[in-house]
C-alpha atoms as a PDB file:
ATOM      1  CA  UNK A   1      27.771 -25.839 -18.429  1.00  0.00           C
ATOM      2  CA  UNK A   2      24.023 -25.639 -18.881  1.00  0.00           C
ATOM      3  CA  UNK A   3      23.507 -26.058 -15.153  1.00  0.00           C
ATOM      4  CA  UNK A   4      25.817 -23.140 -14.418  1.00  0.00           C
ATOM      5  CA  UNK A   5      23.950 -20.963 -16.887  1.00  0.00           C
ATOM      6  CA  UNK A   6      20.528 -21.804 -15.484  1.00  0.00           C
ATOM      7  CA  UNK A   7      21.499 -21.401 -11.851  1.00  0.00           C
ATOM      8  CA  UNK A   8      23.164 -18.028 -12.347  1.00  0.00           C
ATOM      9  CA  UNK A   9      20.961 -16.524 -15.034  1.00  0.00           C
ATOM     10  CA  UNK A  10      18.110 -15.052 -13.019  1.00  0.00           C
ATOM     11  CA  UNK A  11      19.814 -14.178  -9.753  1.00  0.00           C
ATOM     12  CA  UNK A  12      19.518 -10.501  -8.845  1.00  0.00           C
ATOM     13  CA  UNK A  13      22.136  -8.273  -7.288  1.00  0.00           C
ATOM     14  CA  UNK A  14      20.784  -8.526  -3.746  1.00  0.00           C
ATOM     15  CA  UNK A  15      20.643 -12.303  -3.837  1.00  0.00           C
ATOM     16  CA  UNK A  16      24.148 -12.454  -5.308  1.00  0.00           C
ATOM     17  CA  UNK A  17      25.464 -10.374  -2.422  1.00  0.00           C
ATOM     18  CA  UNK A  18      23.865 -12.730   0.088  1.00  0.00           C
ATOM     19  CA  UNK A  19      25.284 -15.687  -1.813  1.00  0.00           C
ATOM     20  CA  UNK A  20      28.730 -14.106  -1.845  1.00  0.00           C
ATOM     21  CA  UNK A  21      28.488 -13.652   1.933  1.00  0.00           C
ATOM     22  CA  UNK A  22      27.749 -17.371   2.269  1.00  0.00           C
ATOM     23  CA  UNK A  23      30.886 -18.101   0.236  1.00  0.00           C
ATOM     24  CA  UNK A  24      33.100 -15.752   2.270  1.00  0.00           C
ATOM     25  CA  UNK A  25      35.347 -18.645   3.299  1.00  0.00           C
ATOM     26  CA  UNK A  26      35.961 -19.374  -0.377  1.00  0.00           C
ATOM     27  CA  UNK A  27      36.891 -15.719  -0.965  1.00  0.00           C
ATOM     28  CA  UNK A  28      39.327 -15.901   1.962  1.00  0.00           C
ATOM     29  CA  UNK A  29      40.875 -19.114   0.636  1.00  0.00           C
ATOM     30  CA  UNK A  30      41.238 -17.683  -2.885  1.00  0.00           C
ATOM     31  CA  UNK A  31      42.851 -14.558  -1.433  1.00  0.00           C
ATOM     32  CA  UNK A  32      45.322 -16.678   0.532  1.00  0.00           C
ATOM     33  CA  UNK A  33      46.013 -18.702  -2.620  1.00  0.00           C
ATOM     34  CA  UNK A  34      46.799 -15.553  -4.618  1.00  0.00           C
ATOM     35  CA  UNK A  35      49.163 -14.351  -1.897  1.00  0.00           C
ATOM     36  CA  UNK A  36      50.958 -17.696  -1.708  1.00  0.00           C
ATOM     37  CA  UNK A  37      51.333 -17.886  -5.499  1.00  0.00           C
ATOM     38  CA  UNK A  38      52.750 -14.371  -5.615  1.00  0.00           C
ATOM     39  CA  UNK A  39      55.563 -15.200  -3.194  1.00  0.00           C
ATOM     40  CA  UNK A  40      55.986 -18.907  -3.971  1.00  0.00           C
ATOM     41  CA  UNK A  41      59.657 -19.778  -4.224  1.00  0.00           C
ATOM     42  CA  UNK A  42      60.717 -16.303  -3.116  1.00  0.00           C
ATOM     43  CA  UNK A  43      63.470 -16.089  -0.502  1.00  0.00           C
ATOM     44  CA  UNK A  44      62.235 -12.768   0.905  1.00  0.00           C
ATOM     45  CA  UNK A  45      58.521 -13.603   0.652  1.00  0.00           C
ATOM     46  CA  UNK A  46      56.141 -10.829   1.749  1.00  0.00           C
ATOM     47  CA  UNK A  47      59.137  -8.540   2.385  1.00  0.00           C
ATOM     48  CA  UNK A  48      58.888  -7.765  -1.341  1.00  0.00           C
ATOM     49  CA  UNK A  49      55.659  -5.855  -0.609  1.00  0.00           C
ATOM     50  CA  UNK A  50      57.892  -3.164   0.933  1.00  0.00           C
ATOM     51  CA  UNK A  51      61.191  -3.815  -0.816  1.00  0.00           C
ATOM     52  CA  UNK A  52      59.733  -3.374  -4.304  1.00  0.00           C
ATOM     53  CA  UNK A  53      58.268   0.111  -3.660  1.00  0.00           C
ATOM     54  CA  UNK A  54      61.469   1.136  -1.847  1.00  0.00           C
ATOM     55  CA  UNK A  55      63.555   0.147  -4.876  1.00  0.00           C
ATOM     56  CA  UNK A  56      61.185   2.013  -7.215  1.00  0.00           C
ATOM     57  CA  UNK A  57      61.323   5.018  -4.885  1.00  0.00           C
ATOM     58  CA  UNK A  58      65.121   5.046  -5.066  1.00  0.00           C
ATOM     59  CA  UNK A  59      65.095   4.914  -8.861  1.00  0.00           C
ATOM     60  CA  UNK A  60      62.491   7.645  -9.334  1.00  0.00           C
ATOM     61  CA  UNK A  61      64.120   9.870  -6.711  1.00  0.00           C
ATOM     62  CA  UNK A  62      67.441   9.632  -8.530  1.00  0.00           C
ATOM     63  CA  UNK A  63      65.894  10.300 -11.951  1.00  0.00           C
ATOM     64  CA  UNK A  64      63.463  13.123 -11.155  1.00  0.00           C
ATOM     65  CA  UNK A  65      65.191  14.823  -8.230  1.00  0.00           C
ATOM     66  CA  UNK A  66      68.915  14.294  -8.795  1.00  0.00           C
ATOM     67  CA  UNK A  67      69.448  13.926 -12.558  1.00  0.00           C
ATOM     68  CA  UNK A  68      66.560  15.843 -14.114  1.00  0.00           C
ATOM     69  CA  UNK A  69      65.901  18.118 -11.120  1.00  0.00           C
ATOM     70  CA  UNK A  70      62.294  18.260 -12.308  1.00  0.00           C
ATOM     71  CA  UNK A  71      60.596  18.282  -8.895  1.00  0.00           C
ATOM     72  CA  UNK A  72      61.568  20.610  -6.049  1.00  0.00           C
ATOM     73  CA  UNK A  73      60.175  19.014  -2.880  1.00  0.00           C
ATOM     74  CA  UNK A  74      61.948  18.454   0.460  1.00  0.00           C
ATOM     75  CA  UNK A  75      62.063  14.743   1.344  1.00  0.00           C
ATOM     76  CA  UNK A  76      61.019  13.955  -2.218  1.00  0.00           C
ATOM     77  CA  UNK A  77      61.685  10.262  -1.606  1.00  0.00           C
ATOM     78  CA  UNK A  78      58.886  10.226   1.001  1.00  0.00           C
ATOM     79  CA  UNK A  79      56.450  11.794  -1.463  1.00  0.00           C
ATOM     80  CA  UNK A  80      57.196   9.027  -3.953  1.00  0.00           C
ATOM     81  CA  UNK A  81      56.974   6.247  -1.375  1.00  0.00           C
ATOM     82  CA  UNK A  82      53.558   7.409  -0.142  1.00  0.00           C
ATOM     83  CA  UNK A  83      52.374   7.407  -3.757  1.00  0.00           C
ATOM     84  CA  UNK A  84      53.969   4.198  -5.039  1.00  0.00           C
ATOM     85  CA  UNK A  85      52.206   1.963  -2.503  1.00  0.00           C
ATOM     86  CA  UNK A  86      48.596   2.890  -3.420  1.00  0.00           C
ATOM     87  CA  UNK A  87      49.505   3.083  -7.109  1.00  0.00           C
ATOM     88  CA  UNK A  88      50.871  -0.468  -7.013  1.00  0.00           C
ATOM     89  CA  UNK A  89      47.581  -1.571  -5.460  1.00  0.00           C
ATOM     90  CA  UNK A  90      45.676   0.059  -8.319  1.00  0.00           C
ATOM     91  CA  UNK A  91      47.903  -1.261 -11.122  1.00  0.00           C
ATOM     92  CA  UNK A  92      48.130  -4.824  -9.767  1.00  0.00           C
ATOM     93  CA  UNK A  93      44.364  -4.988  -9.181  1.00  0.00           C
ATOM     94  CA  UNK A  94      43.497  -3.764 -12.686  1.00  0.00           C
ATOM     95  CA  UNK A  95      45.925  -6.107 -14.415  1.00  0.00           C
ATOM     96  CA  UNK A  96      44.937  -9.036 -12.200  1.00  0.00           C
ATOM     97  CA  UNK A  97      41.219  -8.406 -12.705  1.00  0.00           C
ATOM     98  CA  UNK A  98      41.623  -8.444 -16.483  1.00  0.00           C
ATOM     99  CA  UNK A  99      42.781 -12.077 -16.327  1.00  0.00           C
ATOM    100  CA  UNK A 100      40.832 -13.359 -13.309  1.00  0.00           C
ATOM    101  CA  UNK A 101      38.038 -14.935 -15.395  1.00  0.00           C
ATOM    102  CA  UNK A 102      39.780 -15.773 -18.672  1.00  0.00           C
ATOM    103  CA  UNK A 103      42.481 -17.761 -16.885  1.00  0.00           C
ATOM    104  CA  UNK A 104      39.998 -19.875 -14.904  1.00  0.00           C
ATOM    105  CA  UNK A 105      37.612 -21.182 -17.617  1.00  0.00           C
ATOM    106  CA  UNK A 106      37.301 -24.686 -16.155  1.00  0.00           C
ATOM    107  CA  UNK A 107      36.225 -23.412 -12.745  1.00  0.00           C
ATOM    108  CA  UNK A 108      33.619 -21.065 -14.220  1.00  0.00           C
ATOM    109  CA  UNK A 109      32.124 -23.493 -16.724  1.00  0.00           C
ATOM    110  CA  UNK A 110      32.138 -26.688 -14.644  1.00  0.00           C
ATOM    111  CA  UNK A 111      31.658 -25.667 -11.009  1.00  0.00           C
ATOM    112  CA  UNK A 112      28.936 -23.399  -9.652  1.00  0.00           C
ATOM    113  CA  UNK A 113      30.082 -20.734  -7.199  1.00  0.00           C
ATOM    114  CA  UNK A 114      29.973 -16.922  -7.134  1.00  0.00           C
ATOM    115  CA  UNK A 115      32.536 -16.286  -9.859  1.00  0.00           C
ATOM    116  CA  UNK A 116      33.069 -12.724  -8.639  1.00  0.00           C
ATOM    117  CA  UNK A 117      35.049 -14.383  -5.835  1.00  0.00           C
ATOM    118  CA  UNK A 118      37.870 -14.911  -8.347  1.00  0.00           C
ATOM    119  CA  UNK A 119      38.128 -11.190  -9.050  1.00  0.00           C
ATOM    120  CA  UNK A 120      37.525  -9.998  -5.501  1.00  0.00           C
ATOM    121  CA  UNK A 121      40.247 -12.315  -4.200  1.00  0.00           C
ATOM    122  CA  UNK A 122      42.717 -10.650  -6.581  1.00  0.00           C
ATOM    123  CA  UNK A 123      41.770  -7.204  -5.237  1.00  0.00           C
ATOM    124  CA  UNK A 124      41.878  -8.372  -1.613  1.00  0.00           C
ATOM    125  CA  UNK A 125      45.287 -10.002  -2.065  1.00  0.00           C
ATOM    126  CA  UNK A 126      46.662  -6.757  -3.494  1.00  0.00           C
ATOM    127  CA  UNK A 127      44.992  -4.831  -0.674  1.00  0.00           C
ATOM    128  CA  UNK A 128      46.814  -7.016   1.851  1.00  0.00           C
ATOM    129  CA  UNK A 129      50.030  -6.206  -0.006  1.00  0.00           C
ATOM    130  CA  UNK A 130      49.176  -2.535   0.501  1.00  0.00           C
ATOM    131  CA  UNK A 131      48.415  -2.933   4.203  1.00  0.00           C
ATOM    132  CA  UNK A 132      51.500  -4.990   5.139  1.00  0.00           C
ATOM    133  CA  UNK A 133      54.087  -2.247   4.503  1.00  0.00           C
ATOM    134  CA  UNK A 134      51.856   0.627   5.699  1.00  0.00           C
ATOM    135  CA  UNK A 135      52.943   0.502   9.403  1.00  0.00           C
ATOM    136  CA  UNK A 136      56.572   0.275   8.285  1.00  0.00           C
ATOM    137  CA  UNK A 137      56.046   3.276   6.008  1.00  0.00           C
ATOM    138  CA  UNK A 138      54.633   5.286   8.911  1.00  0.00           C
ATOM    139  CA  UNK A 139      57.650   4.345  11.008  1.00  0.00           C
ATOM    140  CA  UNK A 140      60.054   5.397   8.249  1.00  0.00           C
ATOM    141  CA  UNK A 141      58.279   8.738   7.870  1.00  0.00           C
ATOM    142  CA  UNK A 142      58.458   9.391  11.619  1.00  0.00           C
ATOM    143  CA  UNK A 143      62.152   8.519  11.816  1.00  0.00           C
ATOM    144  CA  UNK A 144      62.855  10.764   8.823  1.00  0.00           C
ATOM    145  CA  UNK A 145      61.086  13.678  10.487  1.00  0.00           C
ATOM    146  CA  UNK A 146      58.170  13.835   8.080  1.00  0.00           C
ATOM    147  CA  UNK A 147      55.248  15.502   9.846  1.00  0.00           C
ATOM    148  CA  UNK A 148      52.283  13.221  10.568  1.00  0.00           C
ATOM    149  CA  UNK A 149      49.321  15.213  11.838  1.00  0.00           C
ATOM    150  CA  UNK A 150      45.917  14.328  13.300  1.00  0.00           C
ATOM    151  CA  UNK A 151      44.609  13.869   9.751  1.00  0.00           C
ATOM    152  CA  UNK A 152      46.162  10.388   9.980  1.00  0.00           C
ATOM    153  CA  UNK A 153      42.861   9.210  11.497  1.00  0.00           C
ATOM    154  CA  UNK A 154      41.367   9.513   8.000  1.00  0.00           C
ATOM    155  CA  UNK A 155      43.833   7.007   6.526  1.00  0.00           C
ATOM    156  CA  UNK A 156      41.614   3.934   7.240  1.00  0.00           C
ATOM    157  CA  UNK A 157      38.683   5.724   5.571  1.00  0.00           C
ATOM    158  CA  UNK A 158      40.753   6.442   2.457  1.00  0.00           C
ATOM    159  CA  UNK A 159      42.077   2.873   2.394  1.00  0.00           C
ATOM    160  CA  UNK A 160      38.556   1.409   2.565  1.00  0.00           C
ATOM    161  CA  UNK A 161      37.349   3.836  -0.113  1.00  0.00           C
ATOM    162  CA  UNK A 162      40.278   2.756  -2.272  1.00  0.00           C
ATOM    163  CA  UNK A 163      39.330  -0.892  -1.725  1.00  0.00           C
ATOM    164  CA  UNK A 164      35.702  -0.205  -2.713  1.00  0.00           C
ATOM    165  CA  UNK A 165      36.818   1.663  -5.828  1.00  0.00           C
ATOM    166  CA  UNK A 166      39.076  -1.169  -6.958  1.00  0.00           C
ATOM    167  CA  UNK A 167      36.487  -3.874  -6.207  1.00  0.00           C
ATOM    168  CA  UNK A 168      33.936  -2.152  -8.438  1.00  0.00           C
ATOM    169  CA  UNK A 169      36.406  -1.401 -11.233  1.00  0.00           C
ATOM    170  CA  UNK A 170      37.851  -4.910 -11.097  1.00  0.00           C
ATOM    171  CA  UNK A 171      34.451  -6.590 -11.448  1.00  0.00           C
ATOM    172  CA  UNK A 172      33.589  -4.444 -14.465  1.00  0.00           C
ATOM    173  CA  UNK A 173      36.979  -5.012 -16.093  1.00  0.00           C
ATOM    174  CA  UNK A 174      36.872  -8.782 -15.492  1.00  0.00           C
ATOM    175  CA  UNK A 175      33.390  -9.104 -17.005  1.00  0.00           C
ATOM    176  CA  UNK A 176      34.272  -7.028 -20.079  1.00  0.00           C
ATOM    177  CA  UNK A 177      37.538  -8.895 -20.697  1.00  0.00           C
ATOM    178  CA  UNK A 178      35.648 -12.169 -21.076  1.00  0.00           C
ATOM    179  CA  UNK A 179      33.858 -10.702 -24.126  1.00  0.00           C
ATOM    180  CA  UNK A 180      36.676  -8.440 -25.331  1.00  0.00           C
ATOM    181  CA  UNK A 181      39.981 -10.254 -24.772  1.00  0.00           C
ATOM    182  CA  UNK A 182      42.053  -7.370 -26.115  1.00  0.00           C
ATOM    183  CA  UNK A 183      41.182  -5.447 -22.952  1.00  0.00           C
ATOM    184  CA  UNK A 184      43.783  -7.521 -21.100  1.00  0.00           C
ATOM    185  CA  UNK A 185      46.517  -5.949 -23.238  1.00  0.00           C
ATOM    186  CA  UNK A 186      44.883  -2.537 -23.353  1.00  0.00           C
ATOM    187  CA  UNK A 187      44.665  -2.497 -19.549  1.00  0.00           C
ATOM    188  CA  UNK A 188      48.399  -3.111 -19.272  1.00  0.00           C
ATOM    189  CA  UNK A 189      49.202  -0.260 -21.679  1.00  0.00           C
ATOM    190  CA  UNK A 190      46.564   2.008 -20.148  1.00  0.00           C
ATOM    191  CA  UNK A 191      47.912   1.541 -16.617  1.00  0.00           C
ATOM    192  CA  UNK A 192      51.434   2.395 -17.781  1.00  0.00           C
ATOM    193  CA  UNK A 193      50.207   5.574 -19.502  1.00  0.00           C
ATOM    194  CA  UNK A 194      47.980   6.559 -16.577  1.00  0.00           C
ATOM    195  CA  UNK A 195      50.955   6.323 -14.217  1.00  0.00           C
ATOM    196  CA  UNK A 196      52.373   9.579 -15.577  1.00  0.00           C
ATOM    197  CA  UNK A 197      48.954  11.251 -15.627  1.00  0.00           C
ATOM    198  CA  UNK A 198      48.501  10.552 -11.907  1.00  0.00           C
ATOM    199  CA  UNK A 199      50.382  12.492  -9.199  1.00  0.00           C
ATOM    200  CA  UNK A 200      52.443   9.552  -8.006  1.00  0.00           C
ATOM    201  CA  UNK A 201      55.843  11.130  -8.638  1.00  0.00           C
ATOM    202  CA  UNK A 202      54.881  14.761  -8.265  1.00  0.00           C
ATOM    203  CA  UNK A 203      52.618  16.922  -6.106  1.00  0.00           C
ATOM    204  CA  UNK A 204      49.805  19.028  -7.516  1.00  0.00           C
ATOM    205  CA  UNK A 205      51.659  22.127  -6.372  1.00  0.00           C
ATOM    206  CA  UNK A 206      52.701  24.628  -9.080  1.00  0.00           C
ATOM    207  CA  UNK A 207      55.626  25.856  -6.954  1.00  0.00           C
ATOM    208  CA  UNK A 208      57.187  22.375  -6.891  1.00  0.00           C
ATOM    209  CA  UNK A 209      56.915  21.729 -10.633  1.00  0.00           C
ATOM    210  CA  UNK A 210      58.958  22.975 -13.594  1.00  0.00           C
ATOM    211  CA  UNK A 211      57.905  26.219 -15.278  1.00  0.00           C
ATOM    212  CA  UNK A 212      54.914  25.668 -17.531  1.00  0.00           C
ATOM    213  CA  UNK A 213      53.875  22.377 -15.941  1.00  0.00           C
ATOM    214  CA  UNK A 214      51.272  24.035 -13.713  1.00  0.00           C
ATOM    215  CA  UNK A 215      48.918  24.549 -16.655  1.00  0.00           C
ATOM    216  CA  UNK A 216      48.415  20.785 -16.878  1.00  0.00           C
ATOM    217  CA  UNK A 217      47.282  20.405 -13.250  1.00  0.00           C
ATOM    218  CA  UNK A 218      43.539  20.975 -14.049  1.00  0.00           C
ATOM    219  CA  UNK A 219      43.691  18.147 -16.589  1.00  0.00           C
ATOM    220  CA  UNK A 220      45.443  15.819 -14.140  1.00  0.00           C
ATOM    221  CA  UNK A 221      42.682  16.513 -11.617  1.00  0.00           C
ATOM    222  CA  UNK A 222      40.148  15.045 -14.066  1.00  0.00           C
ATOM    223  CA  UNK A 223      41.732  11.648 -13.447  1.00  0.00           C
ATOM    224  CA  UNK A 224      39.871   9.982 -10.515  1.00  0.00           C
ATOM    225  CA  UNK A 225      43.069   8.294  -9.343  1.00  0.00           C
ATOM    226  CA  UNK A 226      44.571  11.749  -8.824  1.00  0.00           C
ATOM    227  CA  UNK A 227      41.978  12.367  -6.078  1.00  0.00           C
ATOM    228  CA  UNK A 228      43.214   9.306  -4.198  1.00  0.00           C
ATOM    229  CA  UNK A 229      46.923   9.971  -4.674  1.00  0.00           C
ATOM    230  CA  UNK A 230      46.513  13.601  -3.674  1.00  0.00           C
ATOM    231  CA  UNK A 231      44.668  12.509  -0.536  1.00  0.00           C
ATOM    232  CA  UNK A 232      47.357   9.972   0.375  1.00  0.00           C
ATOM    233  CA  UNK A 233      50.029  12.642  -0.117  1.00  0.00           C
ATOM    234  CA  UNK A 234      48.083  15.193   1.922  1.00  0.00           C
ATOM    235  CA  UNK A 235      47.632  12.829   4.874  1.00  0.00           C
ATOM    236  CA  UNK A 236      50.934  10.942   4.857  1.00  0.00           C
ATOM    237  CA  UNK A 237      53.417  13.446   3.420  1.00  0.00           C
ATOM    238  CA  UNK A 238      52.086  16.884   4.286  1.00  0.00           C
ATOM    239  CA  UNK A 239      50.281  15.885   7.499  1.00  0.00           C
ATOM    240  CA  UNK A 240      47.291  18.064   6.615  1.00  0.00           C
ATOM    241  CA  UNK A 241      43.555  17.530   6.385  1.00  0.00           C
ATOM    242  CA  UNK A 242      42.412  16.710   2.842  1.00  0.00           C
ATOM    243  CA  UNK A 243      40.468  19.305   0.903  1.00  0.00           C
ATOM    244  CA  UNK A 244      36.730  18.637   1.575  1.00  0.00           C
ATOM    245  CA  UNK A 245      35.942  18.608  -2.151  1.00  0.00           C
ATOM    246  CA  UNK A 246      38.702  16.098  -2.906  1.00  0.00           C
ATOM    247  CA  UNK A 247      37.648  13.927   0.029  1.00  0.00           C
ATOM    248  CA  UNK A 248      34.065  14.057  -1.214  1.00  0.00           C
ATOM    249  CA  UNK A 249      35.217  12.967  -4.669  1.00  0.00           C
ATOM    250  CA  UNK A 250      37.143  10.078  -3.123  1.00  0.00           C
ATOM    251  CA  UNK A 251      34.134   8.802  -1.170  1.00  0.00           C
ATOM    252  CA  UNK A 252      31.645   9.470  -3.960  1.00  0.00           C
ATOM    253  CA  UNK A 253      33.741   7.746  -6.643  1.00  0.00           C
ATOM    254  CA  UNK A 254      34.245   4.732  -4.364  1.00  0.00           C
ATOM    255  CA  UNK A 255      30.499   4.332  -3.837  1.00  0.00           C
ATOM    256  CA  UNK A 256      29.730   4.884  -7.511  1.00  0.00           C
ATOM    257  CA  UNK A 257      32.403   2.434  -8.690  1.00  0.00           C
ATOM    258  CA  UNK A 258      31.368  -0.284  -6.232  1.00  0.00           C
ATOM    259  CA  UNK A 259      27.629  -0.102  -6.931  1.00  0.00           C
ATOM    260  CA  UNK A 260      27.980   0.584 -10.650  1.00  0.00           C
ATOM    261  CA  UNK A 261      30.687  -2.005 -11.209  1.00  0.00           C
ATOM    262  CA  UNK A 262      28.776  -4.694  -9.346  1.00  0.00           C
ATOM    263  CA  UNK A 263      25.513  -3.893 -11.136  1.00  0.00           C
ATOM    264  CA  UNK A 264      27.339  -4.088 -14.465  1.00  0.00           C
ATOM    265  CA  UNK A 265      28.859  -7.429 -13.498  1.00  0.00           C
ATOM    266  CA  UNK A 266      25.454  -8.847 -12.492  1.00  0.00           C
ATOM    267  CA  UNK A 267      24.055  -7.943 -15.920  1.00  0.00           C
ATOM    268  CA  UNK A 268      26.827  -9.863 -17.697  1.00  0.00           C
ATOM    269  CA  UNK A 269      27.057 -12.736 -15.197  1.00  0.00           C
ATOM    270  CA  UNK A 270      24.698 -15.133 -16.994  1.00  0.00           C
ATOM    271  CA  UNK A 271      26.780 -15.003 -20.189  1.00  0.00           C
ATOM    272  CA  UNK A 272      30.150 -15.699 -18.574  1.00  0.00           C
ATOM    273  CA  UNK A 273      30.148 -19.546 -18.743  1.00  0.00           C
ATOM    274  CA  UNK A 274      29.661 -19.522 -22.528  1.00  0.00           C
ATOM    275  CA  UNK A 275      32.062 -16.635 -23.125  1.00  0.00           C
ATOM    276  CA  UNK A 276      35.059 -18.093 -21.284  1.00  0.00           C
END
């Protein structure tokens, strides 16, 4: 344990990035491990990466469009499906990051390697689960007659920004959870609450929402995840170019989260072996 502390204590952010690059094969192997564990023993395997959001889409469409009639949007199911996929990436990454260090104490305390690989592999595995059904989603939207415009060329940019955002957030969450174990439970509750404060199931369009709901839209826009979900909806559901301000917030928050989250992790890195 002492060796791990000494080796990692005085390494700066730049050197840690170079070290992480040298361990890229380890990151790839950990990512593959997380994917295999997720679908181990499953008959359908990776098909669940699409089947699960489709099932959730069917449930939410029935509840909010058929029974409650709370949202008035043509092809409402498509709006939900284009929101559920990135939301699942966010929720799974946050919850997985909160346990990525505390559930691997032996690796961290006895073997020296860039421990951020444990957290980044969780995010990358969930990102793969986002990418796998994306071509199928595009095919479903085309068959259903949902308009896909030239703004689709921005989808890879938004996906990479989303990945950067989650990598930074995940590193910060993982490092904090080691010192504050209750965060694991708080993250689970917080993600569930944030789901309804993020435009996953509804558009930020006053005309499509029940009377009186429009007054809450400015507050929903304060949630950074709303910028991403609104951008996904704009590109995939409406087939329009994202608002420049919203797109700027997406890119800016991704850069801030990645650099800030990694810098925060580097500050706490030397204390991780003792804390776990």
